[in-house]
Amino acid sequence: MAKKQALGNLIASNKKAGRDFEILSRHECGIELRGTEVKSIREGRVNVSDAFARVEKGQLFLYGCDVQPWETAGKWFQHEAKRPRRLLMHKKEILKLEIQTAERGAALPLLRLYWRNGKVKAEIGVGRGKTHRDRRYDLKSRVEMLEARREVSRFNKGFH
């Protein structure tokens, strides 16, 4: 499991993945980028809200990750915004992911992009889709926790 990164290293996170999927496991992988894509990511021109990974022919590819074109690049060096990008993992790990997605019907949503040692890393999760009931249950438990915190803080204010 990947360690928590400081917020300064975070590029983009996918909040929809946490809402729509029950994340069973998390995996860190490298991402194969072109130079103009890295420069666009440095400027923060990336959207990962609909991004997901898929195993094809023994390789892992990222789809739906929108990296906007870098404005100062010439037309010959420009990249496509939503092109499939190869994710870099060990072959054994890719085979495990392929087996997990085939057996359980799980998906591989992109959870976040972040910097590690000057390189862009992607965190993907093995996720099972949540039903409408699961989402309502999560919302209910979140509201209960918020109310409990409010009561505790209100109680603690009375002692000062």
C-alpha atoms as a PDB file:
ATOM      1  CA  MET A   1       0.000   0.000   0.000  1.00  0.00           C
ATOM      2  CA  ALA A   2       1.315   3.448  -0.883  1.00  0.00           C
ATOM      3  CA  LYS A   3       2.306   5.855   1.862  1.00  0.00           C
ATOM      4  CA  LYS A   4       0.406   9.097   2.349  1.00  0.00           C
ATOM      5  CA  GLN A   5       2.016  11.966   0.489  1.00  0.00           C
ATOM      6  CA  ALA A   6       2.282  15.552   1.661  1.00  0.00           C
ATOM      7  CA  LEU A   7      -0.209  17.889   0.014  1.00  0.00           C
ATOM      8  CA  GLY A   8       2.628  19.767  -1.682  1.00  0.00           C
ATOM      9  CA  ASN A   9       3.342  16.687  -3.817  1.00  0.00           C
ATOM     10  CA  LEU A  10      -0.278  16.182  -4.869  1.00  0.00           C
ATOM     11  CA  ILE A  11      -1.085  17.093  -8.475  1.00  0.00           C
ATOM     12  CA  ALA A  12      -4.712  15.986  -8.760  1.00  0.00           C
ATOM     13  CA  SER A  13      -7.053  13.639  -6.929  1.00  0.00           C
ATOM     14  CA  ASN A  14     -10.183  11.832  -8.080  1.00  0.00           C
ATOM     15  CA  LYS A  15     -12.926  12.401  -5.521  1.00  0.00           C
ATOM     16  CA  LYS A  16     -15.516  10.662  -7.701  1.00  0.00           C
ATOM     17  CA  ALA A  17     -13.610   7.378  -7.342  1.00  0.00           C
ATOM     18  CA  GLY A  18     -14.088   7.374  -3.572  1.00  0.00           C
ATOM     19  CA  ARG A  19     -17.771   8.129  -3.978  1.00  0.00           C
ATOM     20  CA  ASP A  20     -18.518   5.613  -6.737  1.00  0.00           C
ATOM     21  CA  PHE A  21     -16.203   2.737  -5.744  1.00  0.00           C
ATOM     22  CA  GLU A  22     -15.344   0.736  -2.658  1.00  0.00           C
ATOM     23  CA  ILE A  23     -11.540   0.725  -2.897  1.00  0.00           C
ATOM     24  CA  LEU A  24     -10.173  -2.735  -2.024  1.00  0.00           C
ATOM     25  CA  SER A  25      -6.459  -2.091  -2.602  1.00  0.00           C
ATOM     26  CA  ARG A  26      -4.171   0.697  -3.824  1.00  0.00           C
ATOM     27  CA  HIS A  27      -1.168   0.462  -6.132  1.00  0.00           C
ATOM     28  CA  GLU A  28       1.506   2.973  -7.125  1.00  0.00           C
ATOM     29  CA  CYS A  29       2.749   3.036 -10.699  1.00  0.00           C
ATOM     30  CA  GLY A  30       4.770   5.239 -12.980  1.00  0.00           C
ATOM     31  CA  ILE A  31       3.232   6.928 -15.981  1.00  0.00           C
ATOM     32  CA  GLU A  32       4.776   7.272 -19.427  1.00  0.00           C
ATOM     33  CA  LEU A  33       4.511  10.935 -20.461  1.00  0.00           C
ATOM     34  CA  ARG A  34       5.827  13.207 -23.188  1.00  0.00           C
ATOM     35  CA  GLY A  35       7.741  16.384 -22.386  1.00  0.00           C
ATOM     36  CA  THR A  36       4.859  18.726 -23.156  1.00  0.00           C
ATOM     37  CA  GLU A  37       2.563  16.656 -20.925  1.00  0.00           C
ATOM     38  CA  VAL A  38       4.932  17.009 -17.966  1.00  0.00           C
ATOM     39  CA  LYS A  39       5.092  20.776 -18.486  1.00  0.00           C
ATOM     40  CA  SER A  40       1.278  21.005 -18.621  1.00  0.00           C
ATOM     41  CA  ILE A  41       1.023  18.937 -15.434  1.00  0.00           C
ATOM     42  CA  ARG A  42       3.492  21.288 -13.721  1.00  0.00           C
ATOM     43  CA  GLU A  43       1.127  24.156 -14.598  1.00  0.00           C
ATOM     44  CA  GLY A  44      -1.781  22.181 -13.084  1.00  0.00           C
ATOM     45  CA  ARG A  45      -3.628  21.680 -16.365  1.00  0.00           C
ATOM     46  CA  VAL A  46      -4.778  18.100 -15.702  1.00  0.00           C
ATOM     47  CA  ASN A  47      -8.189  16.551 -14.941  1.00  0.00           C
ATOM     48  CA  VAL A  48      -8.456  12.999 -13.555  1.00  0.00           C
ATOM     49  CA  SER A  49     -12.145  12.847 -12.618  1.00  0.00           C
ATOM     50  CA  ASP A  50     -13.043  10.204 -15.248  1.00  0.00           C
ATOM     51  CA  ALA A  51      -9.689   8.417 -15.460  1.00  0.00           C
ATOM     52  CA  PHE A  52      -9.393   4.639 -15.204  1.00  0.00           C
ATOM     53  CA  ALA A  53      -6.860   1.937 -16.038  1.00  0.00           C
ATOM     54  CA  ARG A  54      -7.285  -1.204 -18.105  1.00  0.00           C
ATOM     55  CA  VAL A  55      -5.019  -4.205 -18.719  1.00  0.00           C
ATOM     56  CA  GLU A  56      -4.542  -4.922 -22.420  1.00  0.00           C
ATOM     57  CA  LYS A  57      -2.120  -7.504 -23.863  1.00  0.00           C
ATOM     58  CA  GLY A  58      -0.098  -7.710 -20.652  1.00  0.00           C
ATOM     59  CA  GLN A  59       0.290  -3.921 -20.322  1.00  0.00           C
ATOM     60  CA  LEU A  60      -1.549  -1.377 -18.198  1.00  0.00           C
ATOM     61  CA  PHE A  61      -3.034   1.702 -19.907  1.00  0.00           C
ATOM     62  CA  LEU A  62      -4.630   4.841 -18.454  1.00  0.00           C
ATOM     63  CA  TYR A  63      -7.733   6.205 -20.196  1.00  0.00           C
ATOM     64  CA  GLY A  64      -9.724   9.395 -19.631  1.00  0.00           C
ATOM     65  CA  CYS A  65      -6.914  11.414 -18.041  1.00  0.00           C
ATOM     66  CA  ASP A  66      -7.210  14.881 -19.590  1.00  0.00           C
ATOM     67  CA  VAL A  67      -3.841  16.695 -19.827  1.00  0.00           C
ATOM     68  CA  GLN A  68      -4.438  19.990 -21.618  1.00  0.00           C
ATOM     69  CA  PRO A  69      -1.966  20.985 -24.346  1.00  0.00           C
ATOM     70  CA  TRP A  70       0.997  23.090 -23.346  1.00  0.00           C
ATOM     71  CA  GLU A  71       0.399  26.555 -24.774  1.00  0.00           C
ATOM     72  CA  THR A  72       3.939  27.480 -25.831  1.00  0.00           C
ATOM     73  CA  ALA A  73       4.747  24.231 -27.667  1.00  0.00           C
ATOM     74  CA  GLY A  74       4.844  24.172 -31.455  1.00  0.00           C
ATOM     75  CA  LYS A  75       2.304  22.132 -33.379  1.00  0.00           C
ATOM     76  CA  TRP A  76       4.826  19.346 -34.088  1.00  0.00           C
ATOM     77  CA  PHE A  77       5.628  18.765 -30.414  1.00  0.00           C
ATOM     78  CA  GLN A  78       2.076  18.974 -29.089  1.00  0.00           C
ATOM     79  CA  HIS A  79       0.267  16.009 -27.505  1.00  0.00           C
ATOM     80  CA  GLU A  80      -3.337  14.825 -27.624  1.00  0.00           C
ATOM     81  CA  ALA A  81      -5.275  15.772 -24.487  1.00  0.00           C
ATOM     82  CA  LYS A  82      -7.002  12.429 -23.816  1.00  0.00           C
ATOM     83  CA  ARG A  83      -4.650   9.928 -25.410  1.00  0.00           C
ATOM     84  CA  PRO A  84      -4.175   6.536 -23.689  1.00  0.00           C
ATOM     85  CA  ARG A  85      -1.015   6.570 -21.558  1.00  0.00           C
ATOM     86  CA  ARG A  86       0.964   3.525 -20.501  1.00  0.00           C
ATOM     87  CA  LEU A  87       1.291   2.886 -16.773  1.00  0.00           C
ATOM     88  CA  LEU A  88       4.540   1.351 -15.585  1.00  0.00           C
ATOM     89  CA  MET A  89       4.394  -1.577 -13.158  1.00  0.00           C
ATOM     90  CA  HIS A  90       6.118  -4.918 -12.771  1.00  0.00           C
ATOM     91  CA  LYS A  91       4.673  -7.657 -14.949  1.00  0.00           C
ATOM     92  CA  LYS A  92       3.681  -9.786 -11.929  1.00  0.00           C
ATOM     93  CA  GLU A  93       1.695  -6.890 -10.461  1.00  0.00           C
ATOM     94  CA  ILE A  94      -0.052  -6.289 -13.790  1.00  0.00           C
ATOM     95  CA  LEU A  95      -1.012  -9.984 -13.979  1.00  0.00           C
ATOM     96  CA  LYS A  96      -2.453  -9.800 -10.440  1.00  0.00           C
ATOM     97  CA  LEU A  97      -4.517  -6.758 -11.415  1.00  0.00           C
ATOM     98  CA  GLU A  98      -5.737  -8.532 -14.546  1.00  0.00           C
ATOM     99  CA  ILE A  99      -6.862 -11.546 -12.506  1.00  0.00           C
ATOM    100  CA  GLN A 100      -8.604  -9.357  -9.903  1.00  0.00           C
ATOM    101  CA  THR A 101     -10.527  -7.381 -12.513  1.00  0.00           C
ATOM    102  CA  ALA A 102     -11.530 -10.515 -14.436  1.00  0.00           C
ATOM    103  CA  GLU A 103     -12.729 -12.489 -11.380  1.00  0.00           C
ATOM    104  CA  ARG A 104     -14.557  -9.937  -9.307  1.00  0.00           C
ATOM    105  CA  GLY A 105     -15.696  -7.609 -12.035  1.00  0.00           C
ATOM    106  CA  ALA A 106     -13.690  -4.875 -10.353  1.00  0.00           C
ATOM    107  CA  ALA A 107     -12.558  -1.645 -11.978  1.00  0.00           C
ATOM    108  CA  LEU A 108      -9.233   0.196 -11.789  1.00  0.00           C
ATOM    109  CA  PRO A 109     -10.016   3.891 -11.161  1.00  0.00           C
ATOM    110  CA  LEU A 110      -7.209   6.441 -10.961  1.00  0.00           C
ATOM    111  CA  LEU A 111      -7.196   7.796  -7.411  1.00  0.00           C
ATOM    112  CA  ARG A 112      -4.554  10.523  -7.643  1.00  0.00           C
ATOM    113  CA  LEU A 113      -1.487  11.868  -9.411  1.00  0.00           C
ATOM    114  CA  TYR A 114       1.484  13.100  -7.387  1.00  0.00           C
ATOM    115  CA  TRP A 115       5.194  13.892  -7.587  1.00  0.00           C
ATOM    116  CA  ARG A 116       7.792  11.534  -6.163  1.00  0.00           C
ATOM    117  CA  ASN A 117      11.496  12.298  -6.639  1.00  0.00           C
ATOM    118  CA  GLY A 118      10.736  14.595  -9.571  1.00  0.00           C
ATOM    119  CA  LYS A 119       8.620  12.030 -11.410  1.00  0.00           C
ATOM    120  CA  VAL A 120       4.860  11.853 -11.867  1.00  0.00           C
ATOM    121  CA  LYS A 121       3.349   8.836 -10.137  1.00  0.00           C
ATOM    122  CA  ALA A 122      -0.202   7.524 -10.394  1.00  0.00           C
ATOM    123  CA  GLU A 123      -2.119   5.732  -7.667  1.00  0.00           C
ATOM    124  CA  ILE A 124      -4.740   3.335  -8.973  1.00  0.00           C
ATOM    125  CA  GLY A 125      -7.151   1.343  -6.877  1.00  0.00           C
ATOM    126  CA  VAL A 126      -8.906  -1.955  -7.340  1.00  0.00           C
ATOM    127  CA  GLY A 127     -12.490  -0.917  -6.760  1.00  0.00           C
ATOM    128  CA  ARG A 128     -15.887  -2.536  -6.698  1.00  0.00           C
ATOM    129  CA  GLY A 129     -18.773  -0.310  -7.763  1.00  0.00           C
ATOM    130  CA  LYS A 130     -21.020   0.966  -4.992  1.00  0.00           C
ATOM    131  CA  THR A 131     -24.765   0.556  -5.215  1.00  0.00           C
ATOM    132  CA  HIS A 132     -27.185   3.357  -4.461  1.00  0.00           C
ATOM    133  CA  ARG A 133     -27.776   1.847  -1.009  1.00  0.00           C
ATOM    134  CA  ASP A 134     -24.028   1.862  -0.233  1.00  0.00           C
ATOM    135  CA  ARG A 135     -23.779   5.549  -1.156  1.00  0.00           C
ATOM    136  CA  ARG A 136     -26.723   6.424   1.085  1.00  0.00           C
ATOM    137  CA  TYR A 137     -25.174   4.462   3.950  1.00  0.00           C
ATOM    138  CA  ASP A 138     -21.846   6.305   3.526  1.00  0.00           C
ATOM    139  CA  LEU A 139     -23.631   9.661   3.488  1.00  0.00           C
ATOM    140  CA  LYS A 140     -25.598   8.752   6.609  1.00  0.00           C
ATOM    141  CA  SER A 141     -22.479   7.677   8.530  1.00  0.00           C
ATOM    142  CA  ARG A 142     -20.659  10.873   7.446  1.00  0.00           C
ATOM    143  CA  VAL A 143     -23.546  13.032   8.717  1.00  0.00           C
ATOM    144  CA  GLU A 144     -23.616  11.120  12.025  1.00  0.00           C
ATOM    145  CA  MET A 145     -19.857  11.653  12.518  1.00  0.00           C
ATOM    146  CA  LEU A 146     -20.229  15.371  11.759  1.00  0.00           C
ATOM    147  CA  GLU A 147     -23.049  15.724  14.290  1.00  0.00           C
ATOM    148  CA  ALA A 148     -21.032  13.833  16.916  1.00  0.00           C
ATOM    149  CA  ARG A 149     -18.048  16.168  16.401  1.00  0.00           C
ATOM    150  CA  ARG A 150     -20.306  19.192  16.741  1.00  0.00           C
ATOM    151  CA  GLU A 151     -21.714  17.883  20.009  1.00  0.00           C
ATOM    152  CA  VAL A 152     -18.241  17.170  21.395  1.00  0.00           C
ATOM    153  CA  SER A 153     -17.001  20.653  20.478  1.00  0.00           C
ATOM    154  CA  ARG A 154     -20.151  22.251  21.912  1.00  0.00           C
ATOM    155  CA  PHE A 155     -19.663  20.254  25.133  1.00  0.00           C
ATOM    156  CA  ASN A 156     -15.965  21.222  25.349  1.00  0.00           C
ATOM    157  CA  LYS A 157     -16.738  24.934  24.844  1.00  0.00           C
ATOM    158  CA  GLY A 158     -18.831  24.883  28.009  1.00  0.00           C
ATOM    159  CA  PHE A 159     -15.765  24.079  30.157  1.00  0.00           C
ATOM    160  CA  HIS A 160     -13.634  27.029  29.046  1.00  0.00           C
END
